[in-house]
Amino acid sequence: MRRFDDKYDEGKDAARRMKEIILSTGNINRSYVVRDVIYVAEKFTVDLFDAEVNVDEAMDAAKVHLQEKAARYGADAVINCHFDHEHHTENGQTHSQIFAYGTVVQFIQSTIGG
């Protein structure tokens, strides 16, 4: 029978593991196996071009969702990430969307000279 603490530790471990997943807008200089391509979209009822909006916080949601999806693969990184946005006004409210995608990879061990 599992103890509650074990399940809590698993949750902490999963959260720590997810945060360790590398996100890169370029390639990486490591050997890896491609697992998949993943996509996320975040919708906000704010104008990303408003000077009072913290764009970094808006991007964080998309980045976290990329890491969550990559964690389900047991992956180490999401490389060649691309981020795009669009916005429109509807009924006097500005809506913004951030689209993100990248290639999920898992690092492999390589030997020197072999």
PDB file of N, CA and C in Angstrom:
ATOM      1  N   MET A   1       0.845  -1.183   0.000  1.00  0.00           N
ATOM      2  CA  MET A   1       0.000   0.000   0.000  1.00  0.00           C
ATOM      3  C   MET A   1       0.887   1.242   0.000  1.00  0.00           C
ATOM      4  N   ARG A   2       0.527   2.208  -0.806  1.00  0.00           N
ATOM      5  CA  ARG A   2       1.311   3.438  -0.908  1.00  0.00           C
ATOM      6  C   ARG A   2       0.890   4.407   0.171  1.00  0.00           C
ATOM      7  N   ARG A   3       1.851   5.116   0.631  1.00  0.00           N
ATOM      8  CA  ARG A   3       1.570   6.178   1.597  1.00  0.00           C
ATOM      9  C   ARG A   3       1.272   7.459   0.847  1.00  0.00           C
ATOM     10  N   PHE A   4       0.548   8.350   1.489  1.00  0.00           N
ATOM     11  CA  PHE A   4       0.234   9.655   0.892  1.00  0.00           C
ATOM     12  C   PHE A   4       1.512  10.403   0.550  1.00  0.00           C
ATOM     13  N   ASP A   5       2.529  10.321   1.431  1.00  0.00           N
ATOM     14  CA  ASP A   5       3.789  11.028   1.204  1.00  0.00           C
ATOM     15  C   ASP A   5       4.453  10.583  -0.097  1.00  0.00           C
ATOM     16  N   ASP A   6       4.340   9.287  -0.422  1.00  0.00           N
ATOM     17  CA  ASP A   6       4.938   8.792  -1.659  1.00  0.00           C
ATOM     18  C   ASP A   6       4.298   9.468  -2.863  1.00  0.00           C
ATOM     19  N   LYS A   7       2.982   9.572  -2.848  1.00  0.00           N
ATOM     20  CA  LYS A   7       2.274  10.207  -3.957  1.00  0.00           C
ATOM     21  C   LYS A   7       2.647  11.686  -4.042  1.00  0.00           C
ATOM     22  N   TYR A   8       2.788  12.348  -2.885  1.00  0.00           N
ATOM     23  CA  TYR A   8       3.182  13.752  -2.853  1.00  0.00           C
ATOM     24  C   TYR A   8       4.579  13.905  -3.446  1.00  0.00           C
ATOM     25  N   ASP A   9       5.489  12.997  -3.075  1.00  0.00           N
ATOM     26  CA  ASP A   9       6.850  13.052  -3.597  1.00  0.00           C
ATOM     27  C   ASP A   9       6.859  12.848  -5.105  1.00  0.00           C
ATOM     28  N   GLU A  10       5.992  11.937  -5.619  1.00  0.00           N
ATOM     29  CA  GLU A  10       5.891  11.731  -7.056  1.00  0.00           C
ATOM     30  C   GLU A  10       5.449  13.013  -7.754  1.00  0.00           C
ATOM     31  N   GLY A  11       4.482  13.706  -7.172  1.00  0.00           N
ATOM     32  CA  GLY A  11       3.998  14.966  -7.736  1.00  0.00           C
ATOM     33  C   GLY A  11       5.097  16.010  -7.764  1.00  0.00           C
ATOM     34  N   LYS A  12       5.862  16.101  -6.678  1.00  0.00           N
ATOM     35  CA  LYS A  12       6.978  17.046  -6.625  1.00  0.00           C
ATOM     36  C   LYS A  12       8.029  16.674  -7.654  1.00  0.00           C
ATOM     37  N   ASP A  13       8.281  15.371  -7.783  1.00  0.00           N
ATOM     38  CA  ASP A  13       9.269  14.893  -8.746  1.00  0.00           C
ATOM     39  C   ASP A  13       8.852  15.233 -10.177  1.00  0.00           C
ATOM     40  N   ALA A  14       7.575  15.026 -10.483  1.00  0.00           N
ATOM     41  CA  ALA A  14       7.063  15.316 -11.828  1.00  0.00           C
ATOM     42  C   ALA A  14       7.168  16.813 -12.128  1.00  0.00           C
ATOM     43  N   ALA A  15       6.835  17.642 -11.149  1.00  0.00           N
ATOM     44  CA  ALA A  15       6.916  19.091 -11.340  1.00  0.00           C
ATOM     45  C   ALA A  15       8.368  19.530 -11.542  1.00  0.00           C
ATOM     46  N   ARG A  16       9.272  18.962 -10.754  1.00  0.00           N
ATOM     47  CA  ARG A  16      10.696  19.295 -10.896  1.00  0.00           C
ATOM     48  C   ARG A  16      11.196  18.836 -12.262  1.00  0.00           C
ATOM     49  N   ARG A  17      10.812  17.639 -12.668  1.00  0.00           N
ATOM     50  CA  ARG A  17      11.229  17.079 -13.958  1.00  0.00           C
ATOM     51  C   ARG A  17      10.737  17.949 -15.120  1.00  0.00           C
ATOM     52  N   MET A  18       9.485  18.397 -15.007  1.00  0.00           N
ATOM     53  CA  MET A  18       8.919  19.225 -16.065  1.00  0.00           C
ATOM     54  C   MET A  18       9.710  20.528 -16.219  1.00  0.00           C
ATOM     55  N   LYS A  19      10.095  21.133 -15.097  1.00  0.00           N
ATOM     56  CA  LYS A  19      10.838  22.394 -15.153  1.00  0.00           C
ATOM     57  C   LYS A  19      12.243  22.218 -15.723  1.00  0.00           C
ATOM     58  N   GLU A  20      12.759  20.980 -15.701  1.00  0.00           N
ATOM     59  CA  GLU A  20      14.097  20.713 -16.230  1.00  0.00           C
ATOM     60  C   GLU A  20      14.099  20.539 -17.750  1.00  0.00           C
ATOM     61  N   ILE A  21      12.926  20.452 -18.358  1.00  0.00           N
ATOM     62  CA  ILE A  21      12.854  20.277 -19.803  1.00  0.00           C
ATOM     63  C   ILE A  21      13.313  21.565 -20.485  1.00  0.00           C
ATOM     64  N   ILE A  22      14.284  21.425 -21.348  1.00  0.00           N
ATOM     65  CA  ILE A  22      14.877  22.572 -22.040  1.00  0.00           C
ATOM     66  C   ILE A  22      13.958  23.011 -23.176  1.00  0.00           C
ATOM     67  N   LEU A  23      13.755  24.315 -23.284  1.00  0.00           N
ATOM     68  CA  LEU A  23      13.061  24.901 -24.425  1.00  0.00           C
ATOM     69  C   LEU A  23      14.074  25.742 -25.185  1.00  0.00           C
ATOM     70  N   SER A  24      14.162  25.521 -26.493  1.00  0.00           N
ATOM     71  CA  SER A  24      15.135  26.253 -27.287  1.00  0.00           C
ATOM     72  C   SER A  24      14.515  26.666 -28.620  1.00  0.00           C
ATOM     73  N   THR A  25      14.789  27.890 -29.033  1.00  0.00           N
ATOM     74  CA  THR A  25      14.299  28.339 -30.338  1.00  0.00           C
ATOM     75  C   THR A  25      15.236  27.903 -31.460  1.00  0.00           C
ATOM     76  N   GLY A  26      16.304  27.221 -31.109  1.00  0.00           N
ATOM     77  CA  GLY A  26      17.219  26.688 -32.107  1.00  0.00           C
ATOM     78  C   GLY A  26      17.494  25.220 -31.839  1.00  0.00           C
ATOM     79  N   ASN A  27      18.503  24.697 -32.491  1.00  0.00           N
ATOM     80  CA  ASN A  27      18.901  23.317 -32.288  1.00  0.00           C
ATOM     81  C   ASN A  27      19.807  23.243 -31.062  1.00  0.00           C
ATOM     82  N   ILE A  28      20.182  22.060 -30.648  1.00  0.00           N
ATOM     83  CA  ILE A  28      21.098  21.893 -29.523  1.00  0.00           C
ATOM     84  C   ILE A  28      22.241  20.989 -29.956  1.00  0.00           C
ATOM     85  N   ASN A  29      23.366  21.163 -29.318  1.00  0.00           N
ATOM     86  CA  ASN A  29      24.562  20.415 -29.677  1.00  0.00           C
ATOM     87  C   ASN A  29      24.685  19.164 -28.804  1.00  0.00           C
ATOM     88  N   ARG A  30      23.713  18.275 -28.940  1.00  0.00           N
ATOM     89  CA  ARG A  30      23.696  17.002 -28.222  1.00  0.00           C
ATOM     90  C   ARG A  30      23.037  15.968 -29.107  1.00  0.00           C
ATOM     91  N   SER A  31      23.384  14.729 -28.901  1.00  0.00           N
ATOM     92  CA  SER A  31      22.724  13.655 -29.643  1.00  0.00           C
ATOM     93  C   SER A  31      21.332  13.448 -29.069  1.00  0.00           C
ATOM     94  N   TYR A  32      20.355  13.284 -29.967  1.00  0.00           N
ATOM     95  CA  TYR A  32      18.986  13.097 -29.507  1.00  0.00           C
ATOM     96  C   TYR A  32      18.181  12.292 -30.508  1.00  0.00           C
ATOM     97  N   VAL A  33      17.032  11.827 -30.025  1.00  0.00           N
ATOM     98  CA  VAL A  33      16.057  11.136 -30.857  1.00  0.00           C
ATOM     99  C   VAL A  33      14.815  12.003 -30.884  1.00  0.00           C
ATOM    100  N   VAL A  34      14.277  12.225 -32.078  1.00  0.00           N
ATOM    101  CA  VAL A  34      13.053  13.012 -32.222  1.00  0.00           C
ATOM    102  C   VAL A  34      11.871  12.144 -31.805  1.00  0.00           C
ATOM    103  N   ARG A  35      11.031  12.680 -30.924  1.00  0.00           N
ATOM    104  CA  ARG A  35       9.848  11.949 -30.466  1.00  0.00           C
ATOM    105  C   ARG A  35       8.575  12.399 -31.180  1.00  0.00           C
ATOM    106  N   ASP A  36       8.408  13.710 -31.352  1.00  0.00           N
ATOM    107  CA  ASP A  36       7.176  14.215 -31.959  1.00  0.00           C
ATOM    108  C   ASP A  36       7.287  15.729 -32.128  1.00  0.00           C
ATOM    109  N   VAL A  37       6.292  16.301 -32.764  1.00  0.00           N
ATOM    110  CA  VAL A  37       6.128  17.755 -32.845  1.00  0.00           C
ATOM    111  C   VAL A  37       4.881  18.077 -32.028  1.00  0.00           C
ATOM    112  N   ILE A  38       4.983  19.095 -31.168  1.00  0.00           N
ATOM    113  CA  ILE A  38       3.845  19.456 -30.318  1.00  0.00           C
ATOM    114  C   ILE A  38       3.440  20.902 -30.562  1.00  0.00           C
ATOM    115  N   TYR A  39       2.169  21.172 -30.287  1.00  0.00           N
ATOM    116  CA  TYR A  39       1.580  22.501 -30.502  1.00  0.00           C
ATOM    117  C   TYR A  39       0.802  22.903 -29.259  1.00  0.00           C
ATOM    118  N   VAL A  40       0.798  24.182 -28.946  1.00  0.00           N
ATOM    119  CA  VAL A  40      -0.060  24.728 -27.892  1.00  0.00           C
ATOM    120  C   VAL A  40      -0.602  26.078 -28.354  1.00  0.00           C
ATOM    121  N   ALA A  41      -1.732  26.450 -27.801  1.00  0.00           N
ATOM    122  CA  ALA A  41      -2.323  27.763 -28.078  1.00  0.00           C
ATOM    123  C   ALA A  41      -2.878  28.305 -26.776  1.00  0.00           C
ATOM    124  N   GLU A  42      -2.609  29.552 -26.509  1.00  0.00           N
ATOM    125  CA  GLU A  42      -3.109  30.233 -25.316  1.00  0.00           C
ATOM    126  C   GLU A  42      -3.911  31.442 -25.751  1.00  0.00           C
ATOM    127  N   LYS A  43      -5.078  31.618 -25.177  1.00  0.00           N
ATOM    128  CA  LYS A  43      -5.926  32.766 -25.527  1.00  0.00           C
ATOM    129  C   LYS A  43      -6.063  33.664 -24.296  1.00  0.00           C
ATOM    130  N   PHE A  44      -5.920  34.965 -24.519  1.00  0.00           N
ATOM    131  CA  PHE A  44      -6.003  35.957 -23.446  1.00  0.00           C
ATOM    132  C   PHE A  44      -6.987  37.046 -23.843  1.00  0.00           C
ATOM    133  N   THR A  45      -7.639  37.627 -22.863  1.00  0.00           N
ATOM    134  CA  THR A  45      -8.518  38.763 -23.131  1.00  0.00           C
ATOM    135  C   THR A  45      -7.772  40.039 -22.774  1.00  0.00           C
ATOM    136  N   VAL A  46      -6.597  40.186 -23.354  1.00  0.00           N
ATOM    137  CA  VAL A  46      -5.770  41.383 -23.182  1.00  0.00           C
ATOM    138  C   VAL A  46      -5.101  41.685 -24.513  1.00  0.00           C
ATOM    139  N   ASP A  47      -4.652  42.901 -24.636  1.00  0.00           N
ATOM    140  CA  ASP A  47      -3.896  43.320 -25.809  1.00  0.00           C
ATOM    141  C   ASP A  47      -2.413  43.182 -25.481  1.00  0.00           C
ATOM    142  N   LEU A  48      -1.746  42.269 -26.147  1.00  0.00           N
ATOM    143  CA  LEU A  48      -0.322  42.051 -25.879  1.00  0.00           C
ATOM    144  C   LEU A  48       0.531  43.276 -26.177  1.00  0.00           C
ATOM    145  N   PHE A  49      -0.020  44.224 -26.933  1.00  0.00           N
ATOM    146  CA  PHE A  49       0.726  45.435 -27.263  1.00  0.00           C
ATOM    147  C   PHE A  49       0.470  46.566 -26.278  1.00  0.00           C
ATOM    148  N   ASP A  50      -0.391  46.336 -25.294  1.00  0.00           N
ATOM    149  CA  ASP A  50      -0.642  47.323 -24.245  1.00  0.00           C
ATOM    150  C   ASP A  50       0.617  47.428 -23.383  1.00  0.00           C
ATOM    151  N   ALA A  51       1.094  48.637 -23.151  1.00  0.00           N
ATOM    152  CA  ALA A  51       2.330  48.850 -22.395  1.00  0.00           C
ATOM    153  C   ALA A  51       2.245  48.316 -20.969  1.00  0.00           C
ATOM    154  N   GLU A  52       1.047  48.167 -20.424  1.00  0.00           N
ATOM    155  CA  GLU A  52       0.895  47.690 -19.047  1.00  0.00           C
ATOM    156  C   GLU A  52       0.827  46.162 -18.949  1.00  0.00           C
ATOM    157  N   VAL A  53       0.788  45.486 -20.071  1.00  0.00           N
ATOM    158  CA  VAL A  53       0.728  44.024 -20.074  1.00  0.00           C
ATOM    159  C   VAL A  53       2.148  43.460 -20.067  1.00  0.00           C
ATOM    160  N   ASN A  54       2.402  42.514 -19.173  1.00  0.00           N
ATOM    161  CA  ASN A  54       3.699  41.862 -19.100  1.00  0.00           C
ATOM    162  C   ASN A  54       3.696  40.691 -20.098  1.00  0.00           C
ATOM    163  N   VAL A  55       4.331  40.893 -21.235  1.00  0.00           N
ATOM    164  CA  VAL A  55       4.339  39.889 -22.294  1.00  0.00           C
ATOM    165  C   VAL A  55       5.057  38.625 -21.830  1.00  0.00           C
ATOM    166  N   ASP A  56       6.078  38.773 -20.980  1.00  0.00           N
ATOM    167  CA  ASP A  56       6.795  37.600 -20.473  1.00  0.00           C
ATOM    168  C   ASP A  56       5.850  36.665 -19.724  1.00  0.00           C
ATOM    169  N   GLU A  57       4.949  37.223 -18.927  1.00  0.00           N
ATOM    170  CA  GLU A  57       3.990  36.389 -18.195  1.00  0.00           C
ATOM    171  C   GLU A  57       3.045  35.684 -19.157  1.00  0.00           C
ATOM    172  N   ALA A  58       2.630  36.359 -20.199  1.00  0.00           N
ATOM    173  CA  ALA A  58       1.750  35.736 -21.186  1.00  0.00           C
ATOM    174  C   ALA A  58       2.477  34.586 -21.887  1.00  0.00           C
ATOM    175  N   MET A  59       3.734  34.765 -22.196  1.00  0.00           N
ATOM    176  CA  MET A  59       4.517  33.713 -22.854  1.00  0.00           C
ATOM    177  C   MET A  59       4.773  32.535 -21.924  1.00  0.00           C
ATOM    178  N   ASP A  60       4.869  32.806 -20.623  1.00  0.00           N
ATOM    179  CA  ASP A  60       5.143  31.729 -19.663  1.00  0.00           C
ATOM    180  C   ASP A  60       4.103  30.622 -19.747  1.00  0.00           C
ATOM    181  N   ALA A  61       2.838  30.970 -19.943  1.00  0.00           N
ATOM    182  CA  ALA A  61       1.787  29.954 -20.019  1.00  0.00           C
ATOM    183  C   ALA A  61       2.043  29.016 -21.197  1.00  0.00           C
ATOM    184  N   ALA A  62       2.398  29.565 -22.340  1.00  0.00           N
ATOM    185  CA  ALA A  62       2.677  28.728 -23.512  1.00  0.00           C
ATOM    186  C   ALA A  62       3.909  27.860 -23.273  1.00  0.00           C
ATOM    187  N   LYS A  63       4.935  28.426 -22.654  1.00  0.00           N
ATOM    188  CA  LYS A  63       6.155  27.661 -22.400  1.00  0.00           C
ATOM    189  C   LYS A  63       5.896  26.513 -21.428  1.00  0.00           C
ATOM    190  N   VAL A  64       5.113  26.772 -20.390  1.00  0.00           N
ATOM    191  CA  VAL A  64       4.790  25.721 -19.418  1.00  0.00           C
ATOM    192  C   VAL A  64       4.005  24.597 -20.093  1.00  0.00           C
ATOM    193  N   HIS A  65       3.075  24.950 -20.974  1.00  0.00           N
ATOM    194  CA  HIS A  65       2.296  23.915 -21.658  1.00  0.00           C
ATOM    195  C   HIS A  65       3.177  23.083 -22.605  1.00  0.00           C
ATOM    196  N   LEU A  66       4.160  23.699 -23.236  1.00  0.00           N
ATOM    197  CA  LEU A  66       5.110  22.924 -24.042  1.00  0.00           C
ATOM    198  C   LEU A  66       5.868  21.936 -23.158  1.00  0.00           C
ATOM    199  N   GLN A  67       6.323  22.407 -21.992  1.00  0.00           N
ATOM    200  CA  GLN A  67       7.053  21.529 -21.075  1.00  0.00           C
ATOM    201  C   GLN A  67       6.165  20.396 -20.560  1.00  0.00           C
ATOM    202  N   GLU A  68       4.905  20.698 -20.249  1.00  0.00           N
ATOM    203  CA  GLU A  68       3.976  19.662 -19.785  1.00  0.00           C
ATOM    204  C   GLU A  68       3.794  18.578 -20.839  1.00  0.00           C
ATOM    205  N   LYS A  69       3.583  18.986 -22.072  1.00  0.00           N
ATOM    206  CA  LYS A  69       3.401  18.004 -23.140  1.00  0.00           C
ATOM    207  C   LYS A  69       4.673  17.182 -23.345  1.00  0.00           C
ATOM    208  N   ALA A  70       5.821  17.819 -23.314  1.00  0.00           N
ATOM    209  CA  ALA A  70       7.084  17.106 -23.498  1.00  0.00           C
ATOM    210  C   ALA A  70       7.318  16.124 -22.353  1.00  0.00           C
ATOM    211  N   ALA A  71       6.907  16.484 -21.148  1.00  0.00           N
ATOM    212  CA  ALA A  71       7.083  15.604 -19.987  1.00  0.00           C
ATOM    213  C   ALA A  71       6.301  14.309 -20.162  1.00  0.00           C
ATOM    214  N   ARG A  72       5.158  14.368 -20.822  1.00  0.00           N
ATOM    215  CA  ARG A  72       4.367  13.159 -21.066  1.00  0.00           C
ATOM    216  C   ARG A  72       5.118  12.155 -21.943  1.00  0.00           C
ATOM    217  N   TYR A  73       6.051  12.645 -22.738  1.00  0.00           N
ATOM    218  CA  TYR A  73       6.871  11.775 -23.578  1.00  0.00           C
ATOM    219  C   TYR A  73       8.109  11.264 -22.826  1.00  0.00           C
ATOM    220  N   GLY A  74       8.352  11.801 -21.655  1.00  0.00           N
ATOM    221  CA  GLY A  74       9.589  11.483 -20.958  1.00  0.00           C
ATOM    222  C   GLY A  74      10.768  12.145 -21.639  1.00  0.00           C
ATOM    223  N   ALA A  75      10.510  13.254 -22.324  1.00  0.00           N
ATOM    224  CA  ALA A  75      11.522  13.932 -23.144  1.00  0.00           C
ATOM    225  C   ALA A  75      12.420  14.828 -22.299  1.00  0.00           C
ATOM    226  N   ASP A  76      13.509  15.247 -22.921  1.00  0.00           N
ATOM    227  CA  ASP A  76      14.475  16.126 -22.265  1.00  0.00           C
ATOM    228  C   ASP A  76      14.397  17.563 -22.748  1.00  0.00           C
ATOM    229  N   ALA A  77      13.857  17.776 -23.962  1.00  0.00           N
ATOM    230  CA  ALA A  77      13.869  19.129 -24.522  1.00  0.00           C
ATOM    231  C   ALA A  77      12.803  19.272 -25.605  1.00  0.00           C
ATOM    232  N   VAL A  78      12.469  20.528 -25.863  1.00  0.00           N
ATOM    233  CA  VAL A  78      11.668  20.901 -27.028  1.00  0.00           C
ATOM    234  C   VAL A  78      12.533  21.893 -27.788  1.00  0.00           C
ATOM    235  N   ILE A  79      12.930  21.506 -28.982  1.00  0.00           N
ATOM    236  CA  ILE A  79      13.868  22.336 -29.751  1.00  0.00           C
ATOM    237  C   ILE A  79      13.169  22.972 -30.944  1.00  0.00           C
ATOM    238  N   ASN A  80      13.851  23.944 -31.523  1.00  0.00           N
ATOM    239  CA  ASN A  80      13.329  24.676 -32.682  1.00  0.00           C
ATOM    240  C   ASN A  80      11.922  25.202 -32.413  1.00  0.00           C
ATOM    241  N   CYS A  81      11.713  25.698 -31.190  1.00  0.00           N
ATOM    242  CA  CYS A  81      10.408  26.251 -30.817  1.00  0.00           C
ATOM    243  C   CYS A  81      10.131  27.530 -31.612  1.00  0.00           C
ATOM    244  N   HIS A  82       8.894  27.674 -32.003  1.00  0.00           N
ATOM    245  CA  HIS A  82       8.443  28.883 -32.690  1.00  0.00           C
ATOM    246  C   HIS A  82       7.238  29.417 -31.938  1.00  0.00           C
ATOM    247  N   PHE A  83       7.191  30.732 -31.824  1.00  0.00           N
ATOM    248  CA  PHE A  83       6.090  31.397 -31.133  1.00  0.00           C
ATOM    249  C   PHE A  83       5.495  32.431 -32.083  1.00  0.00           C
ATOM    250  N   ASP A  84       4.197  32.469 -32.141  1.00  0.00           N
ATOM    251  CA  ASP A  84       3.513  33.428 -32.999  1.00  0.00           C
ATOM    252  C   ASP A  84       2.315  33.958 -32.223  1.00  0.00           C
ATOM    253  N   HIS A  85       1.766  35.061 -32.682  1.00  0.00           N
ATOM    254  CA  HIS A  85       0.611  35.636 -31.990  1.00  0.00           C
ATOM    255  C   HIS A  85      -0.357  36.236 -33.008  1.00  0.00           C
ATOM    256  N   GLU A  86      -1.554  36.415 -32.566  1.00  0.00           N
ATOM    257  CA  GLU A  86      -2.529  37.178 -33.340  1.00  0.00           C
ATOM    258  C   GLU A  86      -3.470  37.830 -32.334  1.00  0.00           C
ATOM    259  N   HIS A  87      -4.060  38.898 -32.746  1.00  0.00           N
ATOM    260  CA  HIS A  87      -5.021  39.558 -31.861  1.00  0.00           C
ATOM    261  C   HIS A  87      -6.135  40.172 -32.698  1.00  0.00           C
ATOM    262  N   HIS A  88      -7.290  40.278 -32.054  1.00  0.00           N
ATOM    263  CA  HIS A  88      -8.436  40.902 -32.709  1.00  0.00           C
ATOM    264  C   HIS A  88      -9.341  41.494 -31.640  1.00  0.00           C
ATOM    265  N   THR A  89     -10.177  42.422 -32.055  1.00  0.00           N
ATOM    266  CA  THR A  89     -11.118  43.062 -31.141  1.00  0.00           C
ATOM    267  C   THR A  89     -12.516  42.578 -31.479  1.00  0.00           C
ATOM    268  N   GLU A  90     -13.227  42.189 -30.438  1.00  0.00           N
ATOM    269  CA  GLU A  90     -14.587  41.693 -30.595  1.00  0.00           C
ATOM    270  C   GLU A  90     -15.434  42.261 -29.459  1.00  0.00           C
ATOM    271  N   ASN A  91     -16.501  42.921 -29.808  1.00  0.00           N
ATOM    272  CA  ASN A  91     -17.383  43.552 -28.811  1.00  0.00           C
ATOM    273  C   ASN A  91     -16.622  44.469 -27.854  1.00  0.00           C
ATOM    274  N   GLY A  92     -15.655  45.187 -28.376  1.00  0.00           N
ATOM    275  CA  GLY A  92     -14.901  46.143 -27.573  1.00  0.00           C
ATOM    276  C   GLY A  92     -13.793  45.527 -26.734  1.00  0.00           C
ATOM    277  N   GLN A  93     -13.617  44.214 -26.760  1.00  0.00           N
ATOM    278  CA  GLN A  93     -12.550  43.558 -26.005  1.00  0.00           C
ATOM    279  C   GLN A  93     -11.481  43.060 -26.962  1.00  0.00           C
ATOM    280  N   THR A  94     -10.242  43.257 -26.559  1.00  0.00           N
ATOM    281  CA  THR A  94      -9.129  42.769 -27.359  1.00  0.00           C
ATOM    282  C   THR A  94      -8.757  41.366 -26.894  1.00  0.00           C
ATOM    283  N   HIS A  95      -8.693  40.447 -27.826  1.00  0.00           N
ATOM    284  CA  HIS A  95      -8.304  39.066 -27.548  1.00  0.00           C
ATOM    285  C   HIS A  95      -6.974  38.804 -28.230  1.00  0.00           C
ATOM    286  N   SER A  96      -6.071  38.167 -27.515  1.00  0.00           N
ATOM    287  CA  SER A  96      -4.779  37.802 -28.076  1.00  0.00           C
ATOM    288  C   SER A  96      -4.594  36.299 -27.939  1.00  0.00           C
ATOM    289  N   GLN A  97      -3.939  35.721 -28.917  1.00  0.00           N
ATOM    290  CA  GLN A  97      -3.609  34.310 -28.867  1.00  0.00           C
ATOM    291  C   GLN A  97      -2.128  34.138 -29.143  1.00  0.00           C
ATOM    292  N   ILE A  98      -1.538  33.228 -28.399  1.00  0.00           N
ATOM    293  CA  ILE A  98      -0.144  32.863 -28.636  1.00  0.00           C
ATOM    294  C   ILE A  98      -0.148  31.405 -29.083  1.00  0.00           C
ATOM    295  N   PHE A  99       0.503  31.147 -30.204  1.00  0.00           N
ATOM    296  CA  PHE A  99       0.664  29.800 -30.722  1.00  0.00           C
ATOM    297  C   PHE A  99       2.129  29.416 -30.560  1.00  0.00           C
ATOM    298  N   ALA A 100       2.372  28.215 -30.125  1.00  0.00           N
ATOM    299  CA  ALA A 100       3.749  27.749 -29.975  1.00  0.00           C
ATOM    300  C   ALA A 100       3.844  26.304 -30.443  1.00  0.00           C
ATOM    301  N   TYR A 101       4.976  25.977 -31.061  1.00  0.00           N
ATOM    302  CA  TYR A 101       5.215  24.584 -31.428  1.00  0.00           C
ATOM    303  C   TYR A 101       6.704  24.320 -31.423  1.00  0.00           C
ATOM    304  N   GLY A 102       7.050  23.058 -31.322  1.00  0.00           N
ATOM    305  CA  GLY A 102       8.449  22.671 -31.315  1.00  0.00           C
ATOM    306  C   GLY A 102       8.592  21.173 -31.460  1.00  0.00           C
ATOM    307  N   THR A 103       9.834  20.722 -31.576  1.00  0.00           N
ATOM    308  CA  THR A 103      10.145  19.312 -31.747  1.00  0.00           C
ATOM    309  C   THR A 103      10.568  18.723 -30.408  1.00  0.00           C
ATOM    310  N   VAL A 104       9.864  17.694 -29.983  1.00  0.00           N
ATOM    311  CA  VAL A 104      10.165  17.021 -28.719  1.00  0.00           C
ATOM    312  C   VAL A 104      11.300  16.034 -28.956  1.00  0.00           C
ATOM    313  N   VAL A 105      12.357  16.128 -28.138  1.00  0.00           N
ATOM    314  CA  VAL A 105      13.507  15.229 -28.291  1.00  0.00           C
ATOM    315  C   VAL A 105      13.898  14.613 -26.959  1.00  0.00           C
ATOM    316  N   GLN A 106      14.526  13.463 -27.098  1.00  0.00           N
ATOM    317  CA  GLN A 106      15.053  12.764 -25.930  1.00  0.00           C
ATOM    318  C   GLN A 106      16.544  12.567 -26.179  1.00  0.00           C
ATOM    319  N   PHE A 107      17.356  12.968 -25.193  1.00  0.00           N
ATOM    320  CA  PHE A 107      18.814  12.836 -25.348  1.00  0.00           C
ATOM    321  C   PHE A 107      19.214  11.371 -25.339  1.00  0.00           C
ATOM    322  N   ILE A 108      20.271  11.056 -26.107  1.00  0.00           N
ATOM    323  CA  ILE A 108      20.822   9.700 -26.099  1.00  0.00           C
ATOM    324  C   ILE A 108      22.283   9.791 -25.723  1.00  0.00           C
ATOM    325  N   GLN A 109      22.778   8.730 -25.152  1.00  0.00           N
ATOM    326  CA  GLN A 109      24.192   8.678 -24.764  1.00  0.00           C
ATOM    327  C   GLN A 109      25.005   8.350 -25.989  1.00  0.00           C
ATOM    328  N   SER A 110      26.118   9.005 -26.141  1.00  0.00           N
ATOM    329  CA  SER A 110      27.028   8.681 -27.235  1.00  0.00           C
ATOM    330  C   SER A 110      28.399   8.424 -26.658  1.00  0.00           C
ATOM    331  N   THR A 111      29.166   7.641 -27.335  1.00  0.00           N
ATOM    332  CA  THR A 111      30.523   7.341 -26.867  1.00  0.00           C
ATOM    333  C   THR A 111      31.517   8.135 -27.689  1.00  0.00           C
ATOM    334  N   ILE A 112      32.600   8.476 -27.060  1.00  0.00           N
ATOM    335  CA  ILE A 112      33.633   9.242 -27.739  1.00  0.00           C
ATOM    336  C   ILE A 112      34.363   8.311 -28.721  1.00  0.00           C
ATOM    337  N   GLY A 113      34.448   8.747 -29.959  1.00  0.00           N
ATOM    338  CA  GLY A 113      35.169   7.994 -30.977  1.00  0.00           C
ATOM    339  C   GLY A 113      34.410   6.776 -31.494  1.00  0.00           C
ATOM    340  N   GLY A 114      33.169   6.600 -31.087  1.00  0.00           N
ATOM    341  CA  GLY A 114      32.480   5.398 -31.546  1.00  0.00           C
ATOM    342  C   GLY A 114      31.132   5.679 -31.990  1.00  0.00           C
TER     343      GLY A 114
END
